[in-house]
Amino acid sequence: MDAQHVALLRELLASTPWVERTEDFARALRRTNAPGGLMLLGTPQEEPWHLAAHLGDEARFSGLPQLAPSLVRWNPPPGAPPHLSIGLDRLADAGRGQTLFVVNDAPEAPIPLLERVDDARRSGATVLALDQGDRELEMLAHDAISLEPGRSPVTFEGLQHLVSTAAGRMEDRRKGGFRERLSRFLDVVSGPRHPD
């Protein structure tokens, strides 16, 4: 789904609570403090590659590096590149200021997933969930956005697109102080600065 399709989907859903709800959820995603602080975790059967790619794109396009997730994998293969070899031990290091974004595409979350999420929450990480209505996962999460299969006007994949797009939307960002406004002005006039 490209940007035009997401814009059309947002337009079609404008009269429903879905657009506002995805924007609220995206604000929670943007609260991650630092680059590398957003961990993305799926189930043992389904890793959220697609969402990881879209959040990475949104991080680049919007200038919000904290949106680029670390994809946490249940069984990373030996010899995988560093960005694809992040295992469950990463969750043990989770703490305050970090966000665990859990994606569960099944009606019920697997027990091992719930256990890992509970551990991360107890260690201080903020837990966000995108799921299909699992009550236990929603209770563990600080914020959750859920679909009711067969009753929602959007698909699970469509919801992922809405969330990732909303996370990178520039008009939702705060104006900032004088220095932030001056920096944005100078970027417009002379182009963004790139570190050497």
N, C-alpha and C. Protein backbone atom coordinates (compact mmCIF):
# COMPACT_ATOMS: atom_id res chain seq x y z
N MET A 1 0.85 -1.17 0.00
CA MET A 1 0.00 0.00 0.00
C MET A 1 0.90 1.23 0.00
N ASP A 2 0.74 2.08 -1.00
CA ASP A 2 1.57 3.28 -1.09
C ASP A 2 0.89 4.46 -0.39
N ALA A 3 1.57 5.59 -0.39
CA ALA A 3 1.08 6.77 0.33
C ALA A 3 -0.28 7.24 -0.18
N GLN A 4 -0.51 7.13 -1.49
CA GLN A 4 -1.80 7.55 -2.05
C GLN A 4 -2.93 6.67 -1.54
N HIS A 5 -2.67 5.36 -1.45
CA HIS A 5 -3.70 4.45 -0.94
C HIS A 5 -3.99 4.71 0.54
N VAL A 6 -2.95 5.01 1.30
CA VAL A 6 -3.15 5.32 2.73
C VAL A 6 -3.96 6.60 2.87
N ALA A 7 -3.64 7.61 2.05
CA ALA A 7 -4.40 8.87 2.09
C ALA A 7 -5.86 8.63 1.74
N LEU A 8 -6.11 7.78 0.74
CA LEU A 8 -7.48 7.45 0.37
C LEU A 8 -8.18 6.70 1.50
N LEU A 9 -7.47 5.78 2.13
CA LEU A 9 -8.04 5.04 3.25
C LEU A 9 -8.39 5.99 4.40
N ARG A 10 -7.49 6.93 4.70
CA ARG A 10 -7.77 7.93 5.74
C ARG A 10 -9.01 8.75 5.39
N GLU A 11 -9.13 9.10 4.12
CA GLU A 11 -10.28 9.88 3.68
C GLU A 11 -11.57 9.08 3.82
N LEU A 12 -11.53 7.80 3.44
CA LEU A 12 -12.71 6.94 3.55
C LEU A 12 -13.13 6.73 5.01
N LEU A 13 -12.16 6.71 5.91
CA LEU A 13 -12.44 6.46 7.32
C LEU A 13 -12.61 7.74 8.13
N ALA A 14 -12.59 8.89 7.47
CA ALA A 14 -12.62 10.18 8.18
C ALA A 14 -13.85 10.33 9.07
N SER A 15 -14.97 9.76 8.69
CA SER A 15 -16.19 9.90 9.49
C SER A 15 -16.29 8.86 10.60
N THR A 16 -15.29 8.01 10.71
CA THR A 16 -15.27 6.99 11.77
C THR A 16 -14.24 7.40 12.82
N PRO A 17 -14.23 6.73 13.96
CA PRO A 17 -13.21 7.06 14.98
C PRO A 17 -11.82 6.51 14.67
N TRP A 18 -11.65 5.77 13.58
CA TRP A 18 -10.37 5.10 13.31
C TRP A 18 -9.22 6.07 13.05
N VAL A 19 -9.44 7.12 12.31
CA VAL A 19 -8.35 8.06 12.00
C VAL A 19 -7.86 8.73 13.28
N GLU A 20 -8.78 9.23 14.09
CA GLU A 20 -8.39 9.88 15.34
C GLU A 20 -7.70 8.88 16.28
N ARG A 21 -8.21 7.67 16.31
CA ARG A 21 -7.63 6.66 17.20
C ARG A 21 -6.20 6.31 16.78
N THR A 22 -5.96 6.17 15.46
CA THR A 22 -4.60 5.87 15.00
C THR A 22 -3.66 7.04 15.28
N GLU A 23 -4.17 8.27 15.19
CA GLU A 23 -3.33 9.43 15.50
C GLU A 23 -2.97 9.47 16.99
N ASP A 24 -3.93 9.13 17.85
CA ASP A 24 -3.64 9.07 19.29
C ASP A 24 -2.59 8.01 19.58
N PHE A 25 -2.74 6.86 18.95
CA PHE A 25 -1.80 5.76 19.15
C PHE A 25 -0.41 6.16 18.62
N ALA A 26 -0.38 6.84 17.48
CA ALA A 26 0.89 7.28 16.90
C ALA A 26 1.61 8.26 17.81
N ARG A 27 0.86 9.11 18.50
CA ARG A 27 1.49 10.04 19.45
C ARG A 27 2.21 9.26 20.55
N ALA A 28 1.62 8.16 20.99
CA ALA A 28 2.28 7.32 22.00
C ALA A 28 3.57 6.74 21.43
N LEU A 29 3.57 6.35 20.16
CA LEU A 29 4.79 5.83 19.52
C LEU A 29 5.88 6.89 19.48
N ARG A 30 5.49 8.13 19.17
CA ARG A 30 6.48 9.21 19.05
C ARG A 30 7.08 9.61 20.39
N ARG A 31 6.48 9.18 21.49
CA ARG A 31 7.03 9.51 22.81
C ARG A 31 8.28 8.72 23.15
N THR A 32 8.65 7.75 22.34
CA THR A 32 9.89 7.03 22.57
C THR A 32 11.01 8.05 22.60
N ASN A 33 11.86 7.98 23.62
CA ASN A 33 12.82 9.05 23.87
C ASN A 33 13.97 9.15 22.89
N ALA A 34 14.54 8.03 22.48
CA ALA A 34 15.79 8.10 21.73
C ALA A 34 15.81 7.08 20.60
N PRO A 35 16.64 7.33 19.59
CA PRO A 35 16.81 6.33 18.54
C PRO A 35 17.24 5.00 19.15
N GLY A 36 16.65 3.92 18.67
CA GLY A 36 16.96 2.59 19.20
C GLY A 36 16.10 2.21 20.38
N GLY A 37 15.26 3.13 20.85
CA GLY A 37 14.42 2.85 22.01
C GLY A 37 13.09 2.20 21.68
N LEU A 38 12.77 2.08 20.39
CA LEU A 38 11.52 1.45 19.98
C LEU A 38 11.81 0.02 19.54
N MET A 39 11.26 -0.94 20.27
CA MET A 39 11.42 -2.35 19.93
C MET A 39 10.10 -2.85 19.35
N LEU A 40 10.17 -3.58 18.25
CA LEU A 40 8.99 -4.11 17.58
C LEU A 40 9.02 -5.62 17.70
N LEU A 41 7.97 -6.21 18.27
CA LEU A 41 7.93 -7.64 18.53
C LEU A 41 6.63 -8.23 18.00
N GLY A 42 6.76 -9.31 17.24
CA GLY A 42 5.60 -10.05 16.76
C GLY A 42 5.45 -11.34 17.54
N THR A 43 4.78 -12.29 16.94
CA THR A 43 4.58 -13.59 17.58
C THR A 43 5.68 -14.54 17.11
N PRO A 44 5.82 -15.71 17.75
CA PRO A 44 6.82 -16.66 17.26
C PRO A 44 6.56 -17.09 15.81
N GLN A 45 5.30 -17.02 15.37
CA GLN A 45 4.95 -17.44 14.01
C GLN A 45 4.99 -16.31 12.99
N GLU A 46 4.82 -15.08 13.43
CA GLU A 46 4.70 -13.96 12.49
C GLU A 46 5.48 -12.74 12.98
N GLU A 47 6.56 -12.42 12.27
CA GLU A 47 7.35 -11.24 12.61
C GLU A 47 6.85 -10.05 11.79
N PRO A 48 6.71 -8.88 12.38
CA PRO A 48 6.14 -7.72 11.69
C PRO A 48 7.14 -6.98 10.80
N TRP A 49 7.67 -7.68 9.80
CA TRP A 49 8.64 -7.09 8.88
C TRP A 49 8.07 -5.87 8.17
N HIS A 50 6.85 -6.02 7.70
CA HIS A 50 6.22 -4.98 6.90
C HIS A 50 6.10 -3.68 7.70
N LEU A 51 5.62 -3.79 8.93
CA LEU A 51 5.48 -2.61 9.78
C LEU A 51 6.85 -2.02 10.13
N ALA A 52 7.83 -2.88 10.36
CA ALA A 52 9.19 -2.40 10.66
C ALA A 52 9.72 -1.55 9.51
N ALA A 53 9.50 -2.02 8.28
CA ALA A 53 9.96 -1.27 7.11
C ALA A 53 9.25 0.08 7.01
N HIS A 54 7.94 0.08 7.23
CA HIS A 54 7.20 1.35 7.13
C HIS A 54 7.58 2.33 8.23
N LEU A 55 7.78 1.84 9.44
CA LEU A 55 8.20 2.75 10.51
C LEU A 55 9.60 3.30 10.23
N GLY A 56 10.48 2.46 9.67
CA GLY A 56 11.81 2.94 9.29
C GLY A 56 11.73 4.03 8.24
N ASP A 57 10.85 3.84 7.25
CA ASP A 57 10.65 4.87 6.22
C ASP A 57 10.11 6.16 6.83
N GLU A 58 9.11 6.03 7.69
CA GLU A 58 8.53 7.22 8.33
C GLU A 58 9.57 7.94 9.19
N ALA A 59 10.44 7.19 9.85
CA ALA A 59 11.50 7.80 10.66
C ALA A 59 12.41 8.65 9.78
N ARG A 60 12.78 8.12 8.62
CA ARG A 60 13.65 8.85 7.69
C ARG A 60 12.96 10.07 7.12
N PHE A 61 11.73 9.89 6.62
CA PHE A 61 11.03 10.98 5.94
C PHE A 61 10.64 12.11 6.89
N SER A 62 10.31 11.77 8.13
CA SER A 62 9.82 12.79 9.06
C SER A 62 10.92 13.39 9.93
N GLY A 63 12.12 12.82 9.88
CA GLY A 63 13.20 13.32 10.73
C GLY A 63 13.02 12.94 12.19
N LEU A 64 12.34 11.84 12.44
CA LEU A 64 12.12 11.35 13.80
C LEU A 64 12.82 10.00 13.96
N PRO A 65 14.13 10.01 14.23
CA PRO A 65 14.87 8.75 14.28
C PRO A 65 14.38 7.78 15.35
N GLN A 66 13.67 8.27 16.37
CA GLN A 66 13.18 7.37 17.40
C GLN A 66 12.06 6.46 16.89
N LEU A 67 11.51 6.73 15.70
CA LEU A 67 10.49 5.86 15.12
C LEU A 67 11.07 4.63 14.43
N ALA A 68 12.37 4.64 14.16
CA ALA A 68 13.00 3.48 13.51
C ALA A 68 13.09 2.36 14.54
N PRO A 69 12.36 1.26 14.31
CA PRO A 69 12.32 0.22 15.34
C PRO A 69 13.47 -0.77 15.25
N SER A 70 13.74 -1.39 16.38
CA SER A 70 14.61 -2.57 16.41
C SER A 70 13.67 -3.76 16.35
N LEU A 71 13.75 -4.54 15.27
CA LEU A 71 12.89 -5.71 15.13
C LEU A 71 13.44 -6.82 16.01
N VAL A 72 12.70 -7.15 17.06
CA VAL A 72 13.11 -8.21 17.98
C VAL A 72 12.56 -9.52 17.44
N ARG A 73 13.46 -10.49 17.24
CA ARG A 73 13.07 -11.76 16.62
C ARG A 73 13.14 -12.89 17.64
N TRP A 74 12.24 -13.83 17.48
CA TRP A 74 12.19 -14.98 18.39
C TRP A 74 13.37 -15.90 18.17
N ASN A 75 13.74 -16.15 16.92
CA ASN A 75 14.86 -17.04 16.61
C ASN A 75 15.68 -16.48 15.46
N PRO A 76 16.51 -15.47 15.71
CA PRO A 76 17.31 -14.94 14.61
C PRO A 76 18.31 -15.99 14.13
N PRO A 77 18.44 -16.15 12.82
CA PRO A 77 19.36 -17.16 12.31
C PRO A 77 20.82 -16.78 12.56
N PRO A 78 21.68 -17.76 12.77
CA PRO A 78 23.11 -17.45 12.95
C PRO A 78 23.65 -16.76 11.69
N GLY A 79 24.50 -15.80 11.89
CA GLY A 79 25.12 -15.09 10.78
C GLY A 79 24.25 -14.02 10.15
N ALA A 80 23.09 -13.73 10.74
CA ALA A 80 22.23 -12.67 10.20
C ALA A 80 22.91 -11.32 10.42
N PRO A 81 22.65 -10.35 9.54
CA PRO A 81 23.21 -9.01 9.74
C PRO A 81 22.77 -8.46 11.10
N PRO A 82 23.55 -7.55 11.67
CA PRO A 82 23.26 -7.05 13.02
C PRO A 82 21.81 -6.57 13.22
N HIS A 83 21.26 -5.84 12.24
CA HIS A 83 19.90 -5.32 12.42
C HIS A 83 18.83 -6.41 12.34
N LEU A 84 19.21 -7.60 11.87
CA LEU A 84 18.27 -8.72 11.79
C LEU A 84 18.59 -9.82 12.80
N SER A 85 19.54 -9.56 13.68
CA SER A 85 19.94 -10.59 14.64
C SER A 85 19.61 -10.21 16.08
N ILE A 86 18.67 -9.29 16.25
CA ILE A 86 18.27 -8.88 17.59
C ILE A 86 17.31 -9.92 18.14
N GLY A 87 17.73 -10.58 19.20
CA GLY A 87 16.93 -11.65 19.79
C GLY A 87 16.16 -11.19 21.02
N LEU A 88 15.51 -12.14 21.65
CA LEU A 88 14.67 -11.85 22.81
C LEU A 88 15.46 -11.31 24.00
N ASP A 89 16.78 -11.54 24.00
CA ASP A 89 17.59 -10.99 25.09
C ASP A 89 17.53 -9.46 25.12
N ARG A 90 17.19 -8.84 24.00
CA ARG A 90 17.03 -7.37 23.95
C ARG A 90 15.92 -6.91 24.90
N LEU A 91 14.89 -7.75 25.06
CA LEU A 91 13.79 -7.39 25.95
C LEU A 91 14.24 -7.34 27.40
N ALA A 92 15.24 -8.16 27.74
CA ALA A 92 15.75 -8.17 29.11
C ALA A 92 16.42 -6.84 29.45
N ASP A 93 16.93 -6.15 28.42
CA ASP A 93 17.58 -4.85 28.63
C ASP A 93 16.60 -3.69 28.59
N ALA A 94 15.32 -3.98 28.29
CA ALA A 94 14.33 -2.91 28.18
C ALA A 94 14.10 -2.27 29.53
N GLY A 95 13.91 -0.97 29.51
CA GLY A 95 13.66 -0.25 30.76
C GLY A 95 12.94 1.05 30.49
N ARG A 96 12.98 1.91 31.45
CA ARG A 96 12.31 3.21 31.33
C ARG A 96 12.85 3.98 30.12
N GLY A 97 11.95 4.68 29.45
CA GLY A 97 12.33 5.46 28.29
C GLY A 97 12.33 4.65 27.00
N GLN A 98 12.09 3.35 27.11
CA GLN A 98 12.03 2.50 25.92
C GLN A 98 10.60 2.02 25.72
N THR A 99 10.29 1.71 24.47
CA THR A 99 8.93 1.30 24.12
C THR A 99 8.97 -0.05 23.44
N LEU A 100 8.12 -0.95 23.89
CA LEU A 100 7.93 -2.24 23.24
C LEU A 100 6.61 -2.18 22.50
N PHE A 101 6.67 -2.26 21.18
CA PHE A 101 5.49 -2.23 20.32
C PHE A 101 5.22 -3.66 19.90
N VAL A 102 4.12 -4.22 20.38
CA VAL A 102 3.78 -5.62 20.14
C VAL A 102 2.73 -5.70 19.05
N VAL A 103 2.96 -6.57 18.05
CA VAL A 103 2.02 -6.76 16.96
C VAL A 103 1.58 -8.22 16.98
N ASN A 104 0.29 -8.43 17.20
CA ASN A 104 -0.27 -9.77 17.26
C ASN A 104 -1.45 -9.85 16.29
N ASP A 105 -1.28 -10.62 15.22
CA ASP A 105 -2.33 -10.69 14.21
C ASP A 105 -3.34 -11.81 14.45
N ALA A 106 -3.23 -12.52 15.56
CA ALA A 106 -4.15 -13.61 15.88
C ALA A 106 -5.18 -13.12 16.91
N PRO A 107 -6.35 -13.76 16.96
CA PRO A 107 -7.36 -13.36 17.95
C PRO A 107 -6.88 -13.53 19.40
N GLU A 108 -5.99 -14.49 19.63
CA GLU A 108 -5.43 -14.70 20.96
C GLU A 108 -3.91 -14.66 20.88
N ALA A 109 -3.31 -13.94 21.80
CA ALA A 109 -1.84 -13.86 21.83
C ALA A 109 -1.28 -15.15 22.43
N PRO A 110 -0.19 -15.67 21.85
CA PRO A 110 0.43 -16.86 22.43
C PRO A 110 0.98 -16.57 23.83
N ILE A 111 0.94 -17.57 24.68
CA ILE A 111 1.41 -17.43 26.07
C ILE A 111 2.86 -16.94 26.13
N PRO A 112 3.79 -17.50 25.32
CA PRO A 112 5.17 -17.00 25.39
C PRO A 112 5.27 -15.50 25.10
N LEU A 113 4.44 -15.00 24.19
CA LEU A 113 4.44 -13.57 23.89
C LEU A 113 3.96 -12.77 25.10
N LEU A 114 2.88 -13.22 25.71
CA LEU A 114 2.35 -12.52 26.89
C LEU A 114 3.38 -12.49 28.02
N GLU A 115 4.10 -13.59 28.20
CA GLU A 115 5.13 -13.64 29.25
C GLU A 115 6.24 -12.63 28.98
N ARG A 116 6.70 -12.55 27.73
CA ARG A 116 7.77 -11.60 27.38
C ARG A 116 7.30 -10.15 27.56
N VAL A 117 6.07 -9.89 27.16
CA VAL A 117 5.52 -8.54 27.29
C VAL A 117 5.41 -8.16 28.77
N ASP A 118 4.95 -9.09 29.59
CA ASP A 118 4.83 -8.84 31.02
C ASP A 118 6.20 -8.54 31.63
N ASP A 119 7.22 -9.30 31.24
CA ASP A 119 8.58 -9.05 31.75
C ASP A 119 9.07 -7.65 31.37
N ALA A 120 8.85 -7.26 30.11
CA ALA A 120 9.30 -5.94 29.65
C ALA A 120 8.57 -4.83 30.40
N ARG A 121 7.29 -5.02 30.63
CA ARG A 121 6.53 -4.00 31.36
C ARG A 121 7.03 -3.88 32.80
N ARG A 122 7.30 -5.01 33.43
CA ARG A 122 7.79 -4.99 34.81
C ARG A 122 9.16 -4.31 34.92
N SER A 123 9.95 -4.37 33.85
CA SER A 123 11.27 -3.74 33.89
C SER A 123 11.20 -2.24 33.56
N GLY A 124 10.00 -1.73 33.26
CA GLY A 124 9.84 -0.30 33.08
C GLY A 124 9.56 0.17 31.67
N ALA A 125 9.58 -0.72 30.69
CA ALA A 125 9.32 -0.32 29.31
C ALA A 125 7.85 0.04 29.13
N THR A 126 7.59 0.98 28.26
CA THR A 126 6.22 1.30 27.87
C THR A 126 5.80 0.26 26.84
N VAL A 127 4.62 -0.31 27.02
CA VAL A 127 4.14 -1.36 26.12
C VAL A 127 2.96 -0.83 25.31
N LEU A 128 3.09 -0.92 24.00
CA LEU A 128 2.02 -0.57 23.07
C LEU A 128 1.66 -1.83 22.29
N ALA A 129 0.39 -1.99 21.96
CA ALA A 129 -0.02 -3.21 21.24
C ALA A 129 -0.96 -2.88 20.10
N LEU A 130 -0.75 -3.56 19.00
CA LEU A 130 -1.65 -3.53 17.86
C LEU A 130 -2.08 -4.98 17.68
N ASP A 131 -3.38 -5.25 17.85
CA ASP A 131 -3.80 -6.65 17.86
C ASP A 131 -5.22 -6.81 17.35
N GLN A 132 -5.73 -8.04 17.49
CA GLN A 132 -7.08 -8.34 17.03
C GLN A 132 -8.00 -8.68 18.20
N GLY A 133 -7.82 -7.98 19.30
CA GLY A 133 -8.77 -8.08 20.39
C GLY A 133 -8.42 -9.00 21.54
N ASP A 134 -7.15 -9.38 21.70
CA ASP A 134 -6.78 -10.23 22.83
C ASP A 134 -6.83 -9.41 24.12
N ARG A 135 -7.69 -9.78 25.03
CA ARG A 135 -7.90 -9.01 26.27
C ARG A 135 -6.67 -9.02 27.17
N GLU A 136 -5.96 -10.14 27.26
CA GLU A 136 -4.78 -10.20 28.13
C GLU A 136 -3.69 -9.26 27.64
N LEU A 137 -3.46 -9.26 26.33
CA LEU A 137 -2.44 -8.36 25.76
C LEU A 137 -2.84 -6.91 25.99
N GLU A 138 -4.11 -6.60 25.79
CA GLU A 138 -4.58 -5.23 25.99
C GLU A 138 -4.43 -4.79 27.45
N MET A 139 -4.61 -5.73 28.39
CA MET A 139 -4.45 -5.39 29.80
C MET A 139 -2.98 -5.12 30.15
N LEU A 140 -2.06 -5.81 29.47
CA LEU A 140 -0.63 -5.60 29.72
C LEU A 140 -0.13 -4.29 29.10
N ALA A 141 -0.77 -3.87 28.02
CA ALA A 141 -0.30 -2.70 27.28
C ALA A 141 -0.72 -1.40 27.96
N HIS A 142 0.16 -0.41 27.88
CA HIS A 142 -0.19 0.93 28.34
C HIS A 142 -1.19 1.56 27.38
N ASP A 143 -1.08 1.22 26.09
CA ASP A 143 -2.02 1.68 25.08
C ASP A 143 -2.11 0.59 24.02
N ALA A 144 -3.33 0.34 23.55
CA ALA A 144 -3.54 -0.70 22.54
C ALA A 144 -4.56 -0.22 21.53
N ILE A 145 -4.36 -0.64 20.30
CA ILE A 145 -5.34 -0.39 19.25
C ILE A 145 -5.69 -1.77 18.68
N SER A 146 -6.98 -2.08 18.66
CA SER A 146 -7.41 -3.43 18.31
C SER A 146 -8.47 -3.42 17.23
N LEU A 147 -8.41 -4.46 16.42
CA LEU A 147 -9.45 -4.72 15.43
C LEU A 147 -10.34 -5.83 15.94
N GLU A 148 -11.59 -5.77 15.60
CA GLU A 148 -12.47 -6.90 15.82
C GLU A 148 -12.62 -7.57 14.47
N PRO A 149 -12.03 -8.78 14.29
CA PRO A 149 -12.08 -9.44 12.98
C PRO A 149 -13.52 -9.55 12.46
N GLY A 150 -13.70 -9.13 11.22
CA GLY A 150 -15.00 -9.20 10.58
C GLY A 150 -15.95 -8.06 10.92
N ARG A 151 -15.61 -7.23 11.90
CA ARG A 151 -16.49 -6.14 12.30
C ARG A 151 -15.87 -4.77 12.08
N SER A 152 -14.60 -4.70 11.78
CA SER A 152 -13.92 -3.42 11.60
C SER A 152 -13.89 -3.05 10.12
N PRO A 153 -13.94 -1.76 9.81
CA PRO A 153 -13.95 -1.33 8.41
C PRO A 153 -12.56 -1.32 7.76
N VAL A 154 -11.56 -1.78 8.48
CA VAL A 154 -10.19 -1.77 7.97
C VAL A 154 -9.55 -3.13 8.25
N THR A 155 -8.61 -3.53 7.41
CA THR A 155 -7.90 -4.79 7.62
C THR A 155 -6.76 -4.58 8.61
N PHE A 156 -6.19 -5.68 9.07
CA PHE A 156 -5.06 -5.60 9.99
C PHE A 156 -3.88 -4.91 9.31
N GLU A 157 -3.63 -5.25 8.05
CA GLU A 157 -2.55 -4.60 7.30
C GLU A 157 -2.85 -3.11 7.12
N GLY A 158 -4.10 -2.79 6.80
CA GLY A 158 -4.48 -1.39 6.64
C GLY A 158 -4.28 -0.59 7.92
N LEU A 159 -4.58 -1.21 9.06
CA LEU A 159 -4.39 -0.53 10.34
C LEU A 159 -2.91 -0.26 10.59
N GLN A 160 -2.05 -1.20 10.22
CA GLN A 160 -0.60 -0.98 10.37
C GLN A 160 -0.16 0.21 9.54
N HIS A 161 -0.68 0.32 8.32
CA HIS A 161 -0.34 1.46 7.46
C HIS A 161 -0.84 2.77 8.06
N LEU A 162 -2.06 2.77 8.58
CA LEU A 162 -2.59 3.99 9.20
C LEU A 162 -1.74 4.43 10.38
N VAL A 163 -1.33 3.48 11.21
CA VAL A 163 -0.52 3.81 12.39
C VAL A 163 0.85 4.33 11.99
N SER A 164 1.53 3.63 11.06
CA SER A 164 2.88 4.07 10.69
C SER A 164 2.85 5.44 10.01
N THR A 165 1.85 5.67 9.17
CA THR A 165 1.73 6.97 8.51
C THR A 165 1.44 8.07 9.52
N ALA A 166 0.53 7.80 10.44
CA ALA A 166 0.19 8.80 11.46
C ALA A 166 1.40 9.11 12.34
N ALA A 167 2.24 8.12 12.59
CA ALA A 167 3.42 8.34 13.45
C ALA A 167 4.38 9.35 12.83
N GLY A 168 4.47 9.37 11.52
CA GLY A 168 5.41 10.28 10.86
C GLY A 168 4.82 11.57 10.37
N ARG A 169 3.54 11.80 10.62
CA ARG A 169 2.89 13.01 10.10
C ARG A 169 3.48 14.26 10.74
N MET A 170 3.98 15.15 9.91
CA MET A 170 4.65 16.37 10.38
C MET A 170 3.69 17.34 11.06
N GLU A 171 2.45 17.45 10.56
CA GLU A 171 1.56 18.45 11.13
C GLU A 171 1.11 18.11 12.54
N ASP A 172 1.34 16.86 12.96
CA ASP A 172 0.96 16.48 14.32
C ASP A 172 2.04 16.83 15.34
N ARG A 173 3.21 17.24 14.87
CA ARG A 173 4.30 17.54 15.80
C ARG A 173 4.11 18.90 16.43
N ARG A 174 4.58 19.04 17.66
CA ARG A 174 4.49 20.31 18.37
C ARG A 174 5.38 21.36 17.70
N LYS A 175 5.04 22.60 17.92
CA LYS A 175 5.79 23.69 17.32
C LYS A 175 7.19 23.83 17.92
N GLY A 176 7.38 23.49 19.16
CA GLY A 176 8.69 23.60 19.78
C GLY A 176 8.99 25.03 20.21
N GLY A 177 10.16 25.21 20.75
CA GLY A 177 10.58 26.53 21.22
C GLY A 177 11.15 27.36 20.09
N PHE A 178 11.73 28.51 20.48
CA PHE A 178 12.28 29.43 19.51
C PHE A 178 13.37 28.77 18.66
N ARG A 179 14.27 28.03 19.31
CA ARG A 179 15.37 27.40 18.56
C ARG A 179 14.85 26.38 17.55
N GLU A 180 13.84 25.61 17.94
CA GLU A 180 13.25 24.63 17.02
C GLU A 180 12.62 25.34 15.82
N ARG A 181 11.88 26.41 16.07
CA ARG A 181 11.26 27.16 14.96
C ARG A 181 12.32 27.79 14.07
N LEU A 182 13.38 28.34 14.69
CA LEU A 182 14.46 28.93 13.92
C LEU A 182 15.16 27.87 13.07
N SER A 183 15.40 26.72 13.65
CA SER A 183 16.05 25.62 12.93
C SER A 183 15.21 25.20 11.72
N ARG A 184 13.89 25.06 11.92
CA ARG A 184 13.02 24.69 10.80
C ARG A 184 13.03 25.76 9.72
N PHE A 185 13.04 27.03 10.13
CA PHE A 185 13.09 28.13 9.18
C PHE A 185 14.37 28.06 8.35
N LEU A 186 15.51 27.87 9.03
CA LEU A 186 16.79 27.79 8.32
C LEU A 186 16.84 26.58 7.39
N ASP A 187 16.23 25.48 7.80
CA ASP A 187 16.16 24.31 6.92
C ASP A 187 15.39 24.62 5.64
N VAL A 188 14.31 25.38 5.78
CA VAL A 188 13.51 25.74 4.61
C VAL A 188 14.30 26.67 3.70
N VAL A 189 14.99 27.66 4.29
CA VAL A 189 15.72 28.65 3.51
C VAL A 189 16.97 28.07 2.86
N SER A 190 17.75 27.31 3.62
CA SER A 190 19.05 26.86 3.11
C SER A 190 19.17 25.35 2.94
N GLY A 191 18.17 24.61 3.32
CA GLY A 191 18.25 23.14 3.26
C GLY A 191 18.76 22.60 4.59
N PRO A 192 18.44 21.36 4.89
CA PRO A 192 18.85 20.79 6.17
C PRO A 192 20.36 20.64 6.28
N ARG A 193 20.86 20.75 7.51
CA ARG A 193 22.29 20.54 7.76
C ARG A 193 22.54 19.05 7.86
N HIS A 194 23.65 18.61 7.32
CA HIS A 194 24.05 17.21 7.42
C HIS A 194 25.37 17.15 8.15
N PRO A 195 25.46 16.35 9.23
CA PRO A 195 26.73 16.26 9.95
C PRO A 195 27.82 15.68 9.06
N ASP A 196 29.05 16.15 9.25
CA ASP A 196 30.17 15.66 8.44
C ASP A 196 30.59 14.28 8.88
